[in-house]
Structure formats: C-alpha cells, structure tokens
Amino acid sequence: MTSLELREKGYQILVEHLGQVATLRFLQEFNWGRGDYTKDRETLLKQVTRESFWQDLATLRAEKANDNYRPR
C-alpha cells in the first residue's frame, strides 16, 4: 500500500465513522508541521549547555514558587 493509498483509506474510515464535519474537526486538531526537526533542534539548542539548562530550570521554579511565574 502506498502512502497515498494509506492516507485515502484513513480518510474514508474517518468519514465513515465520524462523518464529514467531525472528520474535518479531528484533522484540524493536528499541526503536521514542516521542515527537519533534527536540524532545527541542533541549530536552536547549539548554545544550550547542561549548566545553562539547569540554571534556567532553577530560575523558572523559583519564579513559580514566588508567584512571579508568567508562561513564556
């Protein structure tokens, strides 16, 4: 079974069991994303060290404990 055939069969099953509207709602729940996560991660985390990670985590925990926590 090719990827296209698998996708088509999956859509058919969803529509049969959920109906068209619910299938669309279900599919909208997913952010399929694009790009190469591995390369992006390497770039984004290149300068993050274990020490800086643990320092940032300690800072976030302290802020949360002091009620100064603001999600970023």
C-alpha atoms as a PDB file:
ATOM      1  CA  MET A   1       0.000   0.000   0.000  1.00  0.00           C
ATOM      2  CA  THR A   2       1.446   3.376  -0.989  1.00  0.00           C
ATOM      3  CA  SER A   3       1.399   6.417   1.273  1.00  0.00           C
ATOM      4  CA  LEU A   4      -1.342   7.958  -0.861  1.00  0.00           C
ATOM      5  CA  GLU A   5      -3.467   4.820  -0.660  1.00  0.00           C
ATOM      6  CA  LEU A   6      -2.989   4.635   3.099  1.00  0.00           C
ATOM      7  CA  ARG A   7      -3.994   8.269   3.515  1.00  0.00           C
ATOM      8  CA  GLU A   8      -7.085   7.827   1.322  1.00  0.00           C
ATOM      9  CA  LYS A   9      -8.164   4.727   3.231  1.00  0.00           C
ATOM     10  CA  GLY A  10      -7.649   6.540   6.517  1.00  0.00           C
ATOM     11  CA  TYR A  11      -9.796   9.466   5.362  1.00  0.00           C
ATOM     12  CA  GLN A  12     -12.518   7.052   4.209  1.00  0.00           C
ATOM     13  CA  ILE A  13     -12.574   5.296   7.576  1.00  0.00           C
ATOM     14  CA  LEU A  14     -12.709   8.581   9.458  1.00  0.00           C
ATOM     15  CA  VAL A  15     -15.593   9.886   7.341  1.00  0.00           C
ATOM     16  CA  GLU A  16     -17.488   6.583   7.677  1.00  0.00           C
ATOM     17  CA  HIS A  17     -17.172   6.545  11.457  1.00  0.00           C
ATOM     18  CA  LEU A  18     -17.195  10.254  12.325  1.00  0.00           C
ATOM     19  CA  GLY A  19     -18.984  11.915   9.433  1.00  0.00           C
ATOM     20  CA  GLN A  20     -17.583  14.709   7.284  1.00  0.00           C
ATOM     21  CA  VAL A  21     -17.831  17.553   9.800  1.00  0.00           C
ATOM     22  CA  ALA A  22     -16.319  15.622  12.705  1.00  0.00           C
ATOM     23  CA  THR A  23     -13.548  14.307  10.439  1.00  0.00           C
ATOM     24  CA  LEU A  24     -12.623  17.853   9.439  1.00  0.00           C
ATOM     25  CA  ARG A  25     -12.670  18.961  13.066  1.00  0.00           C
ATOM     26  CA  PHE A  26     -10.499  15.982  14.017  1.00  0.00           C
ATOM     27  CA  LEU A  27      -7.951  16.705  11.282  1.00  0.00           C
ATOM     28  CA  GLN A  28      -7.787  20.378  12.266  1.00  0.00           C
ATOM     29  CA  GLU A  29      -6.608  19.350  15.724  1.00  0.00           C
ATOM     30  CA  PHE A  30      -3.249  18.293  14.297  1.00  0.00           C
ATOM     31  CA  ASN A  31      -0.392  20.587  13.402  1.00  0.00           C
ATOM     32  CA  TRP A  32       1.520  18.400  10.996  1.00  0.00           C
ATOM     33  CA  GLY A  33       4.473  20.778  10.868  1.00  0.00           C
ATOM     34  CA  ARG A  34       7.130  21.201   8.236  1.00  0.00           C
ATOM     35  CA  GLY A  35      10.869  21.099   7.937  1.00  0.00           C
ATOM     36  CA  ASP A  36      13.533  18.948   9.546  1.00  0.00           C
ATOM     37  CA  TYR A  37      13.137  18.933  13.324  1.00  0.00           C
ATOM     38  CA  THR A  38      16.542  17.324  13.881  1.00  0.00           C
ATOM     39  CA  LYS A  39      18.399  20.074  12.026  1.00  0.00           C
ATOM     40  CA  ASP A  40      16.258  22.796  13.606  1.00  0.00           C
ATOM     41  CA  ARG A  41      16.862  21.371  17.081  1.00  0.00           C
ATOM     42  CA  GLU A  42      20.615  21.297  16.533  1.00  0.00           C
ATOM     43  CA  THR A  43      20.550  24.952  15.479  1.00  0.00           C
ATOM     44  CA  LEU A  44      18.225  26.102  18.256  1.00  0.00           C
ATOM     45  CA  LEU A  45      19.987  24.214  21.034  1.00  0.00           C
ATOM     46  CA  LYS A  46      23.553  24.660  19.820  1.00  0.00           C
ATOM     47  CA  GLN A  47      24.461  27.093  22.596  1.00  0.00           C
ATOM     48  CA  VAL A  48      22.470  25.391  25.365  1.00  0.00           C
ATOM     49  CA  THR A  49      24.696  23.655  27.859  1.00  0.00           C
ATOM     50  CA  ARG A  50      23.644  21.393  30.701  1.00  0.00           C
ATOM     51  CA  GLU A  51      24.656  24.117  33.105  1.00  0.00           C
ATOM     52  CA  SER A  52      22.550  26.791  31.370  1.00  0.00           C
ATOM     53  CA  PHE A  53      19.608  24.380  31.140  1.00  0.00           C
ATOM     54  CA  TRP A  54      19.677  23.666  34.877  1.00  0.00           C
ATOM     55  CA  GLN A  55      20.107  27.366  35.665  1.00  0.00           C
ATOM     56  CA  ASP A  56      17.084  28.246  33.532  1.00  0.00           C
ATOM     57  CA  LEU A  57      15.064  25.481  35.155  1.00  0.00           C
ATOM     58  CA  ALA A  58      16.006  26.677  38.637  1.00  0.00           C
ATOM     59  CA  THR A  59      15.009  30.225  37.681  1.00  0.00           C
ATOM     60  CA  LEU A  60      11.621  29.079  36.378  1.00  0.00           C
ATOM     61  CA  ARG A  61      10.987  27.029  39.515  1.00  0.00           C
ATOM     62  CA  ALA A  62      11.926  29.961  41.745  1.00  0.00           C
ATOM     63  CA  GLU A  63       9.647  32.314  39.802  1.00  0.00           C
ATOM     64  CA  LYS A  64       6.793  29.845  40.053  1.00  0.00           C
ATOM     65  CA  ALA A  65       7.370  29.393  43.780  1.00  0.00           C
ATOM     66  CA  ASN A  66       7.274  33.174  44.260  1.00  0.00           C
ATOM     67  CA  ASP A  67       4.069  33.546  42.224  1.00  0.00           C
ATOM     68  CA  ASN A  68       6.004  35.583  39.667  1.00  0.00           C
ATOM     69  CA  TYR A  69       5.620  32.835  37.104  1.00  0.00           C
ATOM     70  CA  ARG A  70       4.467  34.057  33.702  1.00  0.00           C
ATOM     71  CA  PRO A  71       4.330  31.441  30.946  1.00  0.00           C
ATOM     72  CA  ARG A  72       6.594  32.418  28.078  1.00  0.00           C
END
